[in-house]
């Protein structure tokens, strides 16, 4: 079983926040350049998220 993990306050105010902002900006760029709907962005993010799911979670599908 995986151990619980949480980002530190410094990480939340640093790399985590930076990463969040970058992802949001890139999603907005994608929408601007392709004129795709939000649902398409959500689908893309879902595919990306599935790459980080544990093997057990992947096998449940």
Protein backbone atom coordinates (compact mmCIF):
# COMPACT_ATOMS: atom_id res chain seq x y z
CA UNK A 1 0.00 0.00 0.00
CA UNK A 2 1.24 3.49 -0.78
CA UNK A 3 2.27 5.75 2.06
CA UNK A 4 0.30 9.01 2.32
CA UNK A 5 2.19 11.97 0.90
CA UNK A 6 1.68 15.68 1.11
CA UNK A 7 3.68 18.53 -0.27
CA UNK A 8 5.42 20.79 2.22
CA UNK A 9 4.31 24.39 2.59
CA UNK A 10 7.46 25.52 0.78
CA UNK A 11 6.73 23.13 -2.09
CA UNK A 12 3.09 24.27 -2.26
CA UNK A 13 4.20 27.89 -2.48
CA UNK A 14 6.99 27.08 -4.93
CA UNK A 15 7.22 24.23 -7.42
CA UNK A 16 3.60 23.05 -6.99
CA UNK A 17 2.16 26.51 -7.57
CA UNK A 18 4.54 27.09 -10.50
CA UNK A 19 3.55 23.78 -12.08
CA UNK A 20 -0.16 24.54 -11.64
CA UNK A 21 0.22 27.93 -13.33
CA UNK A 22 2.20 26.41 -16.22
CA UNK A 23 -0.39 23.69 -16.80
CA UNK A 24 -3.26 26.20 -16.78
CA UNK A 25 -1.38 28.50 -19.18
CA UNK A 26 -0.61 25.65 -21.57
CA UNK A 27 -4.24 24.52 -21.53
CA UNK A 28 -5.32 28.06 -22.38
CA UNK A 29 -2.74 28.14 -25.21
CA UNK A 30 -4.11 24.85 -26.51
CA UNK A 31 -7.66 26.21 -26.52
CA UNK A 32 -6.56 29.47 -28.17
CA UNK A 33 -4.58 27.75 -30.93
CA UNK A 34 -6.97 24.89 -31.66
CA UNK A 35 -10.32 26.42 -30.66
CA UNK A 36 -11.12 23.17 -28.87
CA UNK A 37 -13.80 23.04 -26.17
CA UNK A 38 -13.07 22.66 -22.47
CA UNK A 39 -14.21 19.04 -22.68
CA UNK A 40 -11.32 18.24 -25.02
CA UNK A 41 -8.85 19.79 -22.58
CA UNK A 42 -10.38 17.75 -19.76
CA UNK A 43 -10.06 14.58 -21.87
CA UNK A 44 -6.39 15.34 -22.54
CA UNK A 45 -5.71 16.00 -18.86
CA UNK A 46 -7.46 12.73 -18.01
CA UNK A 47 -5.16 10.80 -20.36
CA UNK A 48 -2.16 12.50 -18.81
CA UNK A 49 -3.42 11.77 -15.27
CA UNK A 50 -3.87 8.11 -16.16
CA UNK A 51 -0.12 7.90 -16.74
CA UNK A 52 0.38 8.63 -13.05
CA UNK A 53 -2.28 6.26 -11.69
CA UNK A 54 -1.00 3.26 -9.78
CA UNK A 55 -0.99 -0.13 -11.47
CA UNK A 56 -3.85 -1.29 -9.21
CA UNK A 57 -6.01 1.68 -10.25
CA UNK A 58 -5.22 1.06 -13.93
CA UNK A 59 -6.24 -2.60 -13.63
CA UNK A 60 -9.65 -1.70 -12.14
CA UNK A 61 -10.75 -0.13 -15.44
